[in-house]
Amino acid sequence: MLLPESLFDKFGKTHEPGQIIFCEYEPGNDFYFIQEGRVKITKTIGNAQKTLDVLSQGDIFGEMAILEEEPRSATAIAVDKVRTLNFNRANFDTLMKTNPQLAFRLLVIFSNRINDARRRLQILLLDDTQSKVADVFLMLAEKDPHYGQVKNMVFHNTVDDIASWCGQQIDEVQKIINMFVRQGKVELFADRIVVNNINDFNRLIQAKRKSLW
């Protein structure tokens, strides 16, 4: 969903490639809606900086500043030149009152983004790369309307995408996926990854989480 370009004159900001838009743990009372470009969301896990997500046109970030008055839970960095609409609590209240349809659409996005963030954090909390890769496939499957009805699932994602969601190095994730290929669990193509039986990964992750409790 894109917001009207006319809003950019009033609420627009431009961020250069590599620019830190906000940092983890700093106070914040505004959020951003991406009109153009990509933004990387990172979080400190232990002693390492892990990528939680790479957002693009139509995505929002920093929304927890509106919902909860707490420090930033992650860092946002412009990947390339980024144009955003910047809303704070005051002008968001105005937006809610003057454009309720738009406000409702934003609230739906808020809800989905919060659920996505929680799900991705579950992946990062696993303690080995194999489980993290398997759980990424499970997360992607859960978004598919056919999940639970079919075993074979096709994901139009790359190894780089999987590594980003895992918060792991690409070469490490590539090794795990290659192992899954040898085991017959996964088929790897240039433009897609096929999981032959998603239930295998579901059982793996359920067992892993039980062992961590």
N, C-alpha and C. Protein backbone atom coordinates (compact mmCIF):
# COMPACT_ATOMS: atom_id res chain seq x y z
N MET A 1 0.84 -1.19 0.00
CA MET A 1 0.00 0.00 0.00
C MET A 1 0.87 1.24 0.00
N LEU A 2 0.63 2.16 -0.92
CA LEU A 2 1.32 3.45 -0.95
C LEU A 2 0.36 4.53 -0.48
N LEU A 3 0.88 5.47 0.28
CA LEU A 3 0.08 6.62 0.69
C LEU A 3 0.18 7.70 -0.37
N PRO A 4 -0.82 8.59 -0.42
CA PRO A 4 -0.81 9.64 -1.44
C PRO A 4 0.49 10.45 -1.44
N GLU A 5 1.04 10.69 -2.64
CA GLU A 5 2.30 11.43 -2.75
C GLU A 5 2.16 12.86 -2.24
N SER A 6 0.93 13.38 -2.24
CA SER A 6 0.70 14.74 -1.76
C SER A 6 1.07 14.90 -0.29
N LEU A 7 1.09 13.78 0.46
CA LEU A 7 1.47 13.84 1.87
C LEU A 7 2.95 14.11 2.06
N PHE A 8 3.77 13.90 1.01
CA PHE A 8 5.21 14.01 1.15
C PHE A 8 5.64 15.45 1.48
N ASP A 9 4.93 16.43 0.93
CA ASP A 9 5.28 17.83 1.20
C ASP A 9 5.20 18.16 2.68
N LYS A 10 4.26 17.53 3.37
CA LYS A 10 4.03 17.82 4.78
C LYS A 10 4.79 16.87 5.70
N PHE A 11 4.85 15.60 5.32
CA PHE A 11 5.39 14.58 6.22
C PHE A 11 6.65 13.88 5.67
N GLY A 12 7.13 14.29 4.50
CA GLY A 12 8.20 13.56 3.83
C GLY A 12 9.59 13.80 4.38
N LYS A 13 10.42 12.74 4.30
CA LYS A 13 11.84 12.82 4.64
C LYS A 13 12.62 11.98 3.62
N THR A 14 13.84 12.41 3.34
CA THR A 14 14.72 11.67 2.44
C THR A 14 15.96 11.22 3.22
N HIS A 15 16.36 9.95 3.01
CA HIS A 15 17.49 9.37 3.73
C HIS A 15 18.49 8.83 2.71
N GLU A 16 19.75 9.15 2.89
CA GLU A 16 20.79 8.73 1.97
C GLU A 16 21.25 7.29 2.26
N PRO A 17 21.83 6.60 1.26
CA PRO A 17 22.30 5.23 1.46
C PRO A 17 23.27 5.14 2.64
N GLY A 18 23.04 4.16 3.52
CA GLY A 18 23.89 3.97 4.68
C GLY A 18 23.53 4.82 5.88
N GLN A 19 22.60 5.75 5.72
CA GLN A 19 22.22 6.63 6.82
C GLN A 19 21.45 5.87 7.89
N ILE A 20 21.82 6.07 9.15
CA ILE A 20 21.07 5.48 10.26
C ILE A 20 19.86 6.36 10.53
N ILE A 21 18.68 5.78 10.38
CA ILE A 21 17.44 6.54 10.56
C ILE A 21 17.12 6.66 12.04
N PHE A 22 17.28 5.57 12.77
CA PHE A 22 17.25 5.60 14.23
C PHE A 22 18.00 4.39 14.76
N CYS A 23 18.42 4.47 16.03
CA CYS A 23 19.24 3.43 16.65
C CYS A 23 18.46 2.68 17.72
N GLU A 24 18.82 1.42 17.88
CA GLU A 24 18.28 0.60 18.95
C GLU A 24 18.56 1.27 20.30
N TYR A 25 17.56 1.22 21.17
CA TYR A 25 17.61 1.73 22.56
C TYR A 25 17.42 3.24 22.69
N GLU A 26 17.47 4.00 21.59
CA GLU A 26 17.25 5.43 21.73
C GLU A 26 15.75 5.71 21.83
N PRO A 27 15.36 6.81 22.48
CA PRO A 27 13.93 7.13 22.57
C PRO A 27 13.38 7.51 21.20
N GLY A 28 12.10 7.28 21.04
CA GLY A 28 11.47 7.64 19.76
C GLY A 28 9.97 7.78 19.92
N ASN A 29 9.39 8.71 19.19
CA ASN A 29 7.93 8.88 19.24
C ASN A 29 7.33 9.04 17.86
N ASP A 30 8.06 8.53 16.85
CA ASP A 30 7.54 8.62 15.49
C ASP A 30 7.79 7.32 14.74
N PHE A 31 7.07 7.15 13.61
CA PHE A 31 7.28 5.98 12.76
C PHE A 31 7.31 6.41 11.31
N TYR A 32 7.74 5.50 10.45
CA TYR A 32 8.03 5.83 9.06
C TYR A 32 7.30 4.89 8.11
N PHE A 33 6.84 5.46 7.02
CA PHE A 33 6.18 4.71 5.95
C PHE A 33 7.03 4.87 4.69
N ILE A 34 7.50 3.76 4.12
CA ILE A 34 8.43 3.82 2.98
C ILE A 34 7.68 4.07 1.68
N GLN A 35 7.99 5.18 1.05
CA GLN A 35 7.43 5.49 -0.26
C GLN A 35 8.35 4.99 -1.39
N GLU A 36 9.65 4.93 -1.08
CA GLU A 36 10.63 4.54 -2.11
C GLU A 36 11.93 4.09 -1.42
N GLY A 37 12.55 3.01 -1.94
CA GLY A 37 13.82 2.56 -1.40
C GLY A 37 13.68 1.40 -0.42
N ARG A 38 14.81 1.00 0.16
CA ARG A 38 14.85 -0.13 1.09
C ARG A 38 15.50 0.28 2.41
N VAL A 39 15.00 -0.31 3.49
CA VAL A 39 15.51 -0.03 4.83
C VAL A 39 15.83 -1.35 5.52
N LYS A 40 17.04 -1.45 6.09
CA LYS A 40 17.45 -2.65 6.81
C LYS A 40 17.19 -2.45 8.29
N ILE A 41 16.54 -3.43 8.92
CA ILE A 41 16.26 -3.40 10.34
C ILE A 41 17.20 -4.39 11.03
N THR A 42 18.01 -3.91 11.97
CA THR A 42 18.98 -4.76 12.65
C THR A 42 18.76 -4.71 14.16
N LYS A 43 19.25 -5.75 14.84
CA LYS A 43 19.12 -5.83 16.30
C LYS A 43 20.38 -6.47 16.87
N THR A 44 20.78 -6.02 18.03
CA THR A 44 21.93 -6.60 18.72
C THR A 44 21.51 -7.87 19.42
N ILE A 45 22.10 -9.00 19.01
CA ILE A 45 21.85 -10.30 19.64
C ILE A 45 23.18 -10.77 20.18
N GLY A 46 23.32 -10.79 21.52
CA GLY A 46 24.61 -11.13 22.11
C GLY A 46 25.62 -10.05 21.77
N ASN A 47 26.73 -10.47 21.13
CA ASN A 47 27.75 -9.51 20.73
C ASN A 47 27.70 -9.19 19.24
N ALA A 48 26.66 -9.66 18.56
CA ALA A 48 26.60 -9.49 17.10
C ALA A 48 25.39 -8.66 16.70
N GLN A 49 25.53 -8.00 15.55
CA GLN A 49 24.44 -7.23 14.98
C GLN A 49 23.76 -8.10 13.92
N LYS A 50 22.49 -8.44 14.12
CA LYS A 50 21.77 -9.34 13.24
C LYS A 50 20.72 -8.56 12.44
N THR A 51 20.57 -8.93 11.17
CA THR A 51 19.54 -8.31 10.33
C THR A 51 18.20 -9.01 10.56
N LEU A 52 17.21 -8.27 11.01
CA LEU A 52 15.87 -8.82 11.21
C LEU A 52 15.08 -8.83 9.92
N ASP A 53 15.25 -7.79 9.12
CA ASP A 53 14.44 -7.68 7.91
C ASP A 53 15.01 -6.60 7.01
N VAL A 54 14.64 -6.68 5.74
CA VAL A 54 14.91 -5.60 4.79
C VAL A 54 13.56 -5.19 4.22
N LEU A 55 13.15 -3.97 4.52
CA LEU A 55 11.83 -3.47 4.14
C LEU A 55 11.92 -2.65 2.86
N SER A 56 10.80 -2.54 2.16
CA SER A 56 10.79 -1.82 0.89
C SER A 56 9.49 -1.01 0.76
N GLN A 57 9.25 -0.52 -0.43
CA GLN A 57 8.12 0.37 -0.71
C GLN A 57 6.81 -0.20 -0.15
N GLY A 58 6.09 0.62 0.61
CA GLY A 58 4.81 0.20 1.16
C GLY A 58 4.90 -0.34 2.58
N ASP A 59 6.12 -0.59 3.07
CA ASP A 59 6.29 -1.09 4.44
C ASP A 59 6.39 0.06 5.43
N ILE A 60 6.13 -0.26 6.70
CA ILE A 60 6.30 0.72 7.76
C ILE A 60 7.32 0.18 8.76
N PHE A 61 7.94 1.08 9.52
CA PHE A 61 8.85 0.66 10.58
C PHE A 61 8.85 1.73 11.67
N GLY A 62 9.27 1.31 12.87
CA GLY A 62 9.27 2.22 14.00
C GLY A 62 7.90 2.42 14.62
N GLU A 63 6.93 1.57 14.24
CA GLU A 63 5.55 1.78 14.66
C GLU A 63 5.33 1.57 16.16
N MET A 64 6.24 0.83 16.82
CA MET A 64 6.06 0.60 18.25
C MET A 64 6.17 1.90 19.05
N ALA A 65 6.78 2.92 18.46
CA ALA A 65 6.87 4.22 19.13
C ALA A 65 5.50 4.84 19.32
N ILE A 66 4.57 4.52 18.43
CA ILE A 66 3.20 5.03 18.54
C ILE A 66 2.41 4.19 19.54
N LEU A 67 2.66 2.87 19.52
CA LEU A 67 1.87 1.95 20.33
C LEU A 67 2.38 1.84 21.77
N GLU A 68 3.70 1.97 21.96
CA GLU A 68 4.28 1.85 23.29
C GLU A 68 5.35 2.93 23.47
N GLU A 69 5.34 3.61 24.60
CA GLU A 69 6.32 4.65 24.85
C GLU A 69 7.58 4.02 25.44
N GLU A 70 8.31 3.30 24.61
CA GLU A 70 9.51 2.60 25.03
C GLU A 70 10.64 2.91 24.06
N PRO A 71 11.90 2.69 24.46
CA PRO A 71 13.03 2.92 23.54
C PRO A 71 12.93 2.02 22.30
N ARG A 72 13.63 2.43 21.25
CA ARG A 72 13.63 1.65 20.02
C ARG A 72 14.14 0.23 20.28
N SER A 73 13.47 -0.75 19.70
CA SER A 73 13.86 -2.15 19.89
C SER A 73 14.82 -2.63 18.81
N ALA A 74 15.11 -1.79 17.81
CA ALA A 74 16.01 -2.17 16.72
C ALA A 74 16.57 -0.91 16.08
N THR A 75 17.54 -1.10 15.18
CA THR A 75 18.14 -0.01 14.42
C THR A 75 17.64 -0.05 12.99
N ALA A 76 17.37 1.11 12.40
CA ALA A 76 16.92 1.20 11.01
C ALA A 76 17.97 1.93 10.19
N ILE A 77 18.39 1.32 9.07
CA ILE A 77 19.45 1.88 8.23
C ILE A 77 18.96 1.91 6.78
N ALA A 78 19.14 3.04 6.10
CA ALA A 78 18.77 3.14 4.69
C ALA A 78 19.75 2.30 3.85
N VAL A 79 19.22 1.38 3.06
CA VAL A 79 20.06 0.55 2.19
C VAL A 79 20.47 1.34 0.96
N ASP A 80 19.51 2.03 0.37
CA ASP A 80 19.77 2.93 -0.75
C ASP A 80 19.04 4.25 -0.46
N LYS A 81 18.86 5.09 -1.44
CA LYS A 81 18.15 6.34 -1.19
C LYS A 81 16.70 6.03 -0.86
N VAL A 82 16.25 6.53 0.28
CA VAL A 82 14.93 6.18 0.80
C VAL A 82 14.10 7.45 0.99
N ARG A 83 12.87 7.38 0.55
CA ARG A 83 11.90 8.46 0.80
C ARG A 83 10.83 7.90 1.71
N THR A 84 10.59 8.58 2.83
CA THR A 84 9.59 8.11 3.79
C THR A 84 8.59 9.20 4.12
N LEU A 85 7.45 8.78 4.62
CA LEU A 85 6.53 9.67 5.30
C LEU A 85 6.71 9.43 6.79
N ASN A 86 6.89 10.50 7.54
CA ASN A 86 7.24 10.42 8.95
C ASN A 86 6.07 10.91 9.80
N PHE A 87 5.53 10.03 10.63
CA PHE A 87 4.40 10.38 11.47
C PHE A 87 4.79 10.27 12.94
N ASN A 88 4.36 11.23 13.75
CA ASN A 88 4.54 11.13 15.20
C ASN A 88 3.16 10.99 15.84
N ARG A 89 3.14 10.91 17.16
CA ARG A 89 1.86 10.66 17.83
C ARG A 89 0.85 11.78 17.56
N ALA A 90 1.32 13.01 17.52
CA ALA A 90 0.40 14.13 17.33
C ALA A 90 -0.21 14.13 15.93
N ASN A 91 0.65 14.04 14.89
CA ASN A 91 0.05 14.11 13.55
C ASN A 91 -0.64 12.80 13.17
N PHE A 92 -0.28 11.68 13.85
CA PHE A 92 -1.02 10.44 13.61
C PHE A 92 -2.43 10.56 14.16
N ASP A 93 -2.59 11.21 15.31
CA ASP A 93 -3.92 11.44 15.86
C ASP A 93 -4.76 12.27 14.89
N THR A 94 -4.13 13.29 14.29
CA THR A 94 -4.83 14.11 13.29
C THR A 94 -5.23 13.27 12.09
N LEU A 95 -4.31 12.41 11.64
CA LEU A 95 -4.58 11.53 10.50
C LEU A 95 -5.75 10.60 10.81
N MET A 96 -5.79 10.09 12.04
CA MET A 96 -6.87 9.19 12.46
C MET A 96 -8.22 9.89 12.35
N LYS A 97 -8.24 11.17 12.74
CA LYS A 97 -9.50 11.90 12.78
C LYS A 97 -9.96 12.36 11.40
N THR A 98 -9.00 12.75 10.56
CA THR A 98 -9.36 13.34 9.27
C THR A 98 -9.47 12.32 8.15
N ASN A 99 -8.83 11.17 8.31
CA ASN A 99 -8.86 10.15 7.25
C ASN A 99 -8.99 8.77 7.90
N PRO A 100 -10.18 8.44 8.41
CA PRO A 100 -10.34 7.18 9.15
C PRO A 100 -10.09 5.93 8.30
N GLN A 101 -10.40 5.98 7.00
CA GLN A 101 -10.14 4.81 6.15
C GLN A 101 -8.64 4.52 6.06
N LEU A 102 -7.86 5.57 5.86
CA LEU A 102 -6.41 5.43 5.80
C LEU A 102 -5.87 4.98 7.14
N ALA A 103 -6.41 5.55 8.22
CA ALA A 103 -5.96 5.17 9.56
C ALA A 103 -6.23 3.69 9.82
N PHE A 104 -7.39 3.20 9.40
CA PHE A 104 -7.71 1.78 9.59
C PHE A 104 -6.73 0.90 8.84
N ARG A 105 -6.40 1.28 7.61
CA ARG A 105 -5.44 0.50 6.83
C ARG A 105 -4.08 0.46 7.52
N LEU A 106 -3.68 1.58 8.11
CA LEU A 106 -2.41 1.62 8.83
C LEU A 106 -2.45 0.74 10.08
N LEU A 107 -3.57 0.74 10.78
CA LEU A 107 -3.69 -0.08 11.98
C LEU A 107 -3.62 -1.57 11.65
N VAL A 108 -4.18 -1.96 10.49
CA VAL A 108 -4.07 -3.35 10.04
C VAL A 108 -2.61 -3.70 9.78
N ILE A 109 -1.88 -2.76 9.14
CA ILE A 109 -0.45 -2.97 8.89
C ILE A 109 0.29 -3.09 10.21
N PHE A 110 -0.04 -2.23 11.18
CA PHE A 110 0.59 -2.29 12.50
C PHE A 110 0.46 -3.69 13.09
N SER A 111 -0.76 -4.19 13.07
CA SER A 111 -1.03 -5.50 13.66
C SER A 111 -0.21 -6.59 12.98
N ASN A 112 -0.19 -6.57 11.64
CA ASN A 112 0.55 -7.57 10.89
C ASN A 112 2.05 -7.46 11.15
N ARG A 113 2.55 -6.23 11.22
CA ARG A 113 3.98 -6.03 11.43
C ARG A 113 4.41 -6.51 12.82
N ILE A 114 3.57 -6.26 13.82
CA ILE A 114 3.90 -6.71 15.17
C ILE A 114 3.97 -8.23 15.22
N ASN A 115 2.99 -8.89 14.59
CA ASN A 115 3.00 -10.35 14.57
C ASN A 115 4.21 -10.88 13.81
N ASP A 116 4.56 -10.23 12.70
CA ASP A 116 5.74 -10.65 11.93
C ASP A 116 7.01 -10.50 12.76
N ALA A 117 7.13 -9.39 13.47
CA ALA A 117 8.34 -9.15 14.27
C ALA A 117 8.48 -10.20 15.37
N ARG A 118 7.38 -10.54 16.00
CA ARG A 118 7.42 -11.56 17.04
C ARG A 118 7.82 -12.92 16.46
N ARG A 119 7.29 -13.21 15.28
CA ARG A 119 7.61 -14.50 14.65
C ARG A 119 9.08 -14.56 14.27
N ARG A 120 9.62 -13.47 13.76
CA ARG A 120 11.04 -13.46 13.37
C ARG A 120 11.96 -13.51 14.58
N LEU A 121 11.51 -12.94 15.69
CA LEU A 121 12.31 -13.01 16.91
C LEU A 121 12.40 -14.46 17.38
N GLN A 122 11.33 -15.23 17.19
CA GLN A 122 11.35 -16.65 17.56
C GLN A 122 12.47 -17.38 16.81
N ILE A 123 12.66 -17.01 15.56
CA ILE A 123 13.72 -17.62 14.75
C ILE A 123 15.09 -17.29 15.33
N LEU A 124 15.30 -16.02 15.65
CA LEU A 124 16.60 -15.57 16.14
C LEU A 124 16.96 -16.18 17.49
N LEU A 125 15.95 -16.56 18.27
CA LEU A 125 16.20 -17.12 19.59
C LEU A 125 16.64 -18.58 19.54
N LEU A 126 16.48 -19.24 18.40
CA LEU A 126 16.99 -20.60 18.25
C LEU A 126 18.51 -20.56 18.26
N ASP A 127 19.14 -21.63 18.75
CA ASP A 127 20.58 -21.55 19.02
C ASP A 127 21.47 -22.25 18.00
N ASP A 128 20.92 -22.66 16.86
CA ASP A 128 21.78 -23.23 15.82
C ASP A 128 21.24 -22.87 14.45
N THR A 129 22.14 -22.78 13.48
CA THR A 129 21.78 -22.30 12.14
C THR A 129 20.80 -23.23 11.44
N GLN A 130 20.96 -24.54 11.60
CA GLN A 130 20.06 -25.48 10.93
C GLN A 130 18.61 -25.25 11.36
N SER A 131 18.40 -25.09 12.65
CA SER A 131 17.04 -24.84 13.15
C SER A 131 16.50 -23.51 12.65
N LYS A 132 17.36 -22.49 12.61
CA LYS A 132 16.93 -21.18 12.15
C LYS A 132 16.49 -21.23 10.69
N VAL A 133 17.26 -21.93 9.84
CA VAL A 133 16.90 -22.04 8.43
C VAL A 133 15.57 -22.79 8.29
N ALA A 134 15.43 -23.88 9.02
CA ALA A 134 14.18 -24.65 8.96
C ALA A 134 12.99 -23.80 9.41
N ASP A 135 13.20 -22.98 10.45
CA ASP A 135 12.10 -22.17 10.97
C ASP A 135 11.74 -21.03 10.02
N VAL A 136 12.72 -20.54 9.26
CA VAL A 136 12.40 -19.54 8.22
C VAL A 136 11.44 -20.15 7.20
N PHE A 137 11.74 -21.36 6.75
CA PHE A 137 10.84 -22.01 5.80
C PHE A 137 9.45 -22.20 6.42
N LEU A 138 9.43 -22.54 7.69
CA LEU A 138 8.15 -22.73 8.37
C LEU A 138 7.39 -21.41 8.47
N MET A 139 8.11 -20.32 8.78
CA MET A 139 7.48 -19.00 8.83
C MET A 139 6.88 -18.62 7.48
N LEU A 140 7.64 -18.85 6.40
CA LEU A 140 7.14 -18.53 5.07
C LEU A 140 5.92 -19.39 4.73
N ALA A 141 5.95 -20.65 5.15
CA ALA A 141 4.83 -21.55 4.87
C ALA A 141 3.57 -21.08 5.58
N GLU A 142 3.73 -20.57 6.79
CA GLU A 142 2.57 -20.13 7.58
C GLU A 142 1.83 -18.98 6.92
N LYS A 143 2.52 -18.25 6.05
CA LYS A 143 1.89 -17.14 5.33
C LYS A 143 1.11 -17.61 4.10
N ASP A 144 1.33 -18.86 3.70
CA ASP A 144 0.69 -19.41 2.50
C ASP A 144 -0.71 -19.92 2.85
N PRO A 145 -1.75 -19.54 2.09
CA PRO A 145 -3.11 -20.00 2.40
C PRO A 145 -3.28 -21.51 2.30
N HIS A 146 -2.34 -22.19 1.62
CA HIS A 146 -2.44 -23.65 1.46
C HIS A 146 -1.69 -24.40 2.56
N TYR A 147 -1.10 -23.65 3.48
CA TYR A 147 -0.35 -24.30 4.56
C TYR A 147 -1.28 -25.20 5.37
N GLY A 148 -0.83 -26.42 5.64
CA GLY A 148 -1.65 -27.39 6.35
C GLY A 148 -2.44 -28.29 5.43
N GLN A 149 -2.52 -27.91 4.15
CA GLN A 149 -3.26 -28.71 3.17
C GLN A 149 -2.34 -29.47 2.22
N VAL A 150 -1.13 -28.92 2.02
CA VAL A 150 -0.17 -29.56 1.12
C VAL A 150 1.18 -29.69 1.82
N LYS A 151 1.97 -30.67 1.39
CA LYS A 151 3.30 -30.87 1.96
C LYS A 151 4.36 -30.12 1.15
N ASN A 152 4.24 -30.18 -0.18
CA ASN A 152 5.21 -29.55 -1.07
C ASN A 152 4.91 -28.06 -1.18
N MET A 153 5.91 -27.22 -0.90
CA MET A 153 5.68 -25.78 -0.93
C MET A 153 6.81 -25.08 -1.68
N VAL A 154 6.45 -24.08 -2.47
CA VAL A 154 7.39 -23.35 -3.30
C VAL A 154 7.52 -21.93 -2.75
N PHE A 155 8.76 -21.50 -2.53
CA PHE A 155 9.02 -20.16 -2.01
C PHE A 155 9.87 -19.40 -3.02
N HIS A 156 9.38 -18.26 -3.45
CA HIS A 156 10.12 -17.44 -4.43
C HIS A 156 11.07 -16.51 -3.67
N ASN A 157 12.03 -17.14 -3.03
CA ASN A 157 13.04 -16.44 -2.24
C ASN A 157 14.41 -16.99 -2.57
N THR A 158 15.43 -16.23 -2.21
CA THR A 158 16.81 -16.64 -2.46
C THR A 158 17.49 -17.06 -1.16
N VAL A 159 18.68 -17.63 -1.29
CA VAL A 159 19.47 -17.97 -0.11
C VAL A 159 19.78 -16.70 0.68
N ASP A 160 20.04 -15.58 -0.01
CA ASP A 160 20.29 -14.31 0.66
C ASP A 160 19.10 -13.90 1.54
N ASP A 161 17.88 -14.11 1.02
CA ASP A 161 16.69 -13.78 1.79
C ASP A 161 16.63 -14.62 3.07
N ILE A 162 16.87 -15.92 2.91
CA ILE A 162 16.81 -16.82 4.06
C ILE A 162 17.85 -16.41 5.11
N ALA A 163 19.06 -16.08 4.64
CA ALA A 163 20.12 -15.67 5.55
C ALA A 163 19.73 -14.39 6.31
N SER A 164 19.07 -13.47 5.62
CA SER A 164 18.66 -12.22 6.25
C SER A 164 17.67 -12.49 7.38
N TRP A 165 16.68 -13.34 7.14
CA TRP A 165 15.69 -13.66 8.17
C TRP A 165 16.32 -14.44 9.32
N CYS A 166 17.34 -15.25 9.00
CA CYS A 166 18.03 -16.02 10.05
C CYS A 166 18.95 -15.15 10.89
N GLY A 167 19.42 -14.05 10.31
CA GLY A 167 20.45 -13.27 10.97
C GLY A 167 21.80 -13.97 10.94
N GLN A 168 22.04 -14.76 9.88
CA GLN A 168 23.27 -15.55 9.76
C GLN A 168 24.02 -15.17 8.49
N GLN A 169 25.31 -15.56 8.43
CA GLN A 169 26.11 -15.32 7.24
C GLN A 169 25.58 -16.16 6.08
N ILE A 170 25.65 -15.60 4.87
CA ILE A 170 25.11 -16.28 3.69
C ILE A 170 25.78 -17.62 3.46
N ASP A 171 27.11 -17.69 3.63
CA ASP A 171 27.81 -18.94 3.36
C ASP A 171 27.40 -20.04 4.34
N GLU A 172 27.11 -19.67 5.59
CA GLU A 172 26.65 -20.66 6.57
C GLU A 172 25.27 -21.19 6.21
N VAL A 173 24.40 -20.28 5.79
CA VAL A 173 23.05 -20.68 5.40
C VAL A 173 23.10 -21.53 4.13
N GLN A 174 24.00 -21.17 3.20
CA GLN A 174 24.15 -21.95 1.98
C GLN A 174 24.54 -23.39 2.31
N LYS A 175 25.44 -23.59 3.27
CA LYS A 175 25.85 -24.94 3.67
C LYS A 175 24.67 -25.75 4.19
N ILE A 176 23.83 -25.11 5.00
CA ILE A 176 22.67 -25.81 5.56
C ILE A 176 21.69 -26.18 4.46
N ILE A 177 21.43 -25.25 3.55
CA ILE A 177 20.49 -25.53 2.47
C ILE A 177 21.05 -26.63 1.56
N ASN A 178 22.35 -26.60 1.30
CA ASN A 178 22.97 -27.66 0.50
C ASN A 178 22.79 -29.02 1.18
N MET A 179 22.90 -29.04 2.51
CA MET A 179 22.68 -30.28 3.26
C MET A 179 21.25 -30.76 3.10
N PHE A 180 20.29 -29.82 3.18
CA PHE A 180 18.89 -30.18 2.99
C PHE A 180 18.65 -30.71 1.57
N VAL A 181 19.36 -30.14 0.60
CA VAL A 181 19.24 -30.62 -0.79
C VAL A 181 19.73 -32.07 -0.87
N ARG A 182 20.88 -32.37 -0.27
CA ARG A 182 21.43 -33.72 -0.29
C ARG A 182 20.50 -34.72 0.40
N GLN A 183 19.79 -34.24 1.42
CA GLN A 183 18.86 -35.10 2.15
C GLN A 183 17.52 -35.27 1.44
N GLY A 184 17.34 -34.54 0.34
CA GLY A 184 16.09 -34.62 -0.41
C GLY A 184 14.96 -33.81 0.18
N LYS A 185 15.27 -32.95 1.15
CA LYS A 185 14.23 -32.14 1.78
C LYS A 185 13.92 -30.87 1.00
N VAL A 186 14.92 -30.40 0.24
CA VAL A 186 14.80 -29.12 -0.45
C VAL A 186 15.34 -29.24 -1.87
N GLU A 187 14.72 -28.50 -2.80
CA GLU A 187 15.25 -28.34 -4.15
C GLU A 187 15.56 -26.86 -4.35
N LEU A 188 16.76 -26.56 -4.81
CA LEU A 188 17.21 -25.18 -4.92
C LEU A 188 17.32 -24.78 -6.38
N PHE A 189 16.66 -23.68 -6.73
CA PHE A 189 16.70 -23.13 -8.08
C PHE A 189 17.12 -21.67 -8.01
N ALA A 190 17.42 -21.09 -9.15
CA ALA A 190 17.89 -19.70 -9.18
C ALA A 190 16.83 -18.72 -8.66
N ASP A 191 15.57 -19.02 -8.93
CA ASP A 191 14.50 -18.07 -8.60
C ASP A 191 13.52 -18.58 -7.55
N ARG A 192 13.78 -19.76 -6.98
CA ARG A 192 12.85 -20.31 -6.00
C ARG A 192 13.50 -21.44 -5.20
N ILE A 193 12.90 -21.73 -4.08
CA ILE A 193 13.32 -22.85 -3.24
C ILE A 193 12.09 -23.70 -2.98
N VAL A 194 12.19 -25.00 -3.24
CA VAL A 194 11.08 -25.92 -3.05
C VAL A 194 11.35 -26.79 -1.83
N VAL A 195 10.41 -26.78 -0.90
CA VAL A 195 10.48 -27.68 0.26
C VAL A 195 9.56 -28.85 -0.03
N ASN A 196 10.11 -30.04 -0.05
CA ASN A 196 9.32 -31.21 -0.48
C ASN A 196 8.31 -31.67 0.55
N ASN A 197 8.61 -31.47 1.83
CA ASN A 197 7.66 -31.84 2.88
C ASN A 197 7.83 -30.88 4.05
N ILE A 198 6.99 -29.87 4.10
CA ILE A 198 7.12 -28.85 5.14
C ILE A 198 6.93 -29.44 6.53
N ASN A 199 6.23 -30.58 6.62
CA ASN A 199 6.02 -31.22 7.92
C ASN A 199 7.33 -31.66 8.56
N ASP A 200 8.35 -31.97 7.72
CA ASP A 200 9.66 -32.34 8.26
C ASP A 200 10.24 -31.20 9.09
N PHE A 201 10.12 -29.99 8.56
CA PHE A 201 10.64 -28.82 9.26
C PHE A 201 9.79 -28.48 10.48
N ASN A 202 8.50 -28.69 10.38
CA ASN A 202 7.61 -28.45 11.51
C ASN A 202 7.98 -29.35 12.69
N ARG A 203 8.21 -30.63 12.41
CA ARG A 203 8.60 -31.56 13.47
C ARG A 203 9.96 -31.19 14.07
N LEU A 204 10.89 -30.78 13.20
CA LEU A 204 12.22 -30.39 13.67
C LEU A 204 12.14 -29.21 14.63
N ILE A 205 11.36 -28.20 14.28
CA ILE A 205 11.27 -26.98 15.10
C ILE A 205 10.50 -27.24 16.39
N GLN A 206 9.45 -28.04 16.31
CA GLN A 206 8.70 -28.36 17.54
C GLN A 206 9.60 -29.08 18.54
N ALA A 207 10.38 -30.04 18.06
CA ALA A 207 11.31 -30.77 18.94
C ALA A 207 12.37 -29.84 19.51
N LYS A 208 12.87 -28.92 18.66
CA LYS A 208 13.91 -27.99 19.10
C LYS A 208 13.39 -27.07 20.19
N ARG A 209 12.21 -26.54 20.01
CA ARG A 209 11.66 -25.61 21.00
C ARG A 209 11.37 -26.31 22.32
N LYS A 210 10.93 -27.56 22.26
CA LYS A 210 10.69 -28.31 23.49
C LYS A 210 12.00 -28.51 24.26
N SER A 211 13.09 -28.72 23.52
CA SER A 211 14.39 -28.94 24.17
C SER A 211 14.92 -27.67 24.82
N LEU A 212 14.43 -26.50 24.37
CA LEU A 212 14.89 -25.23 24.91
C LEU A 212 14.08 -24.76 26.11
N TRP A 213 12.94 -25.39 26.32
CA TRP A 213 12.08 -24.98 27.44
C TRP A 213 12.64 -25.50 28.77
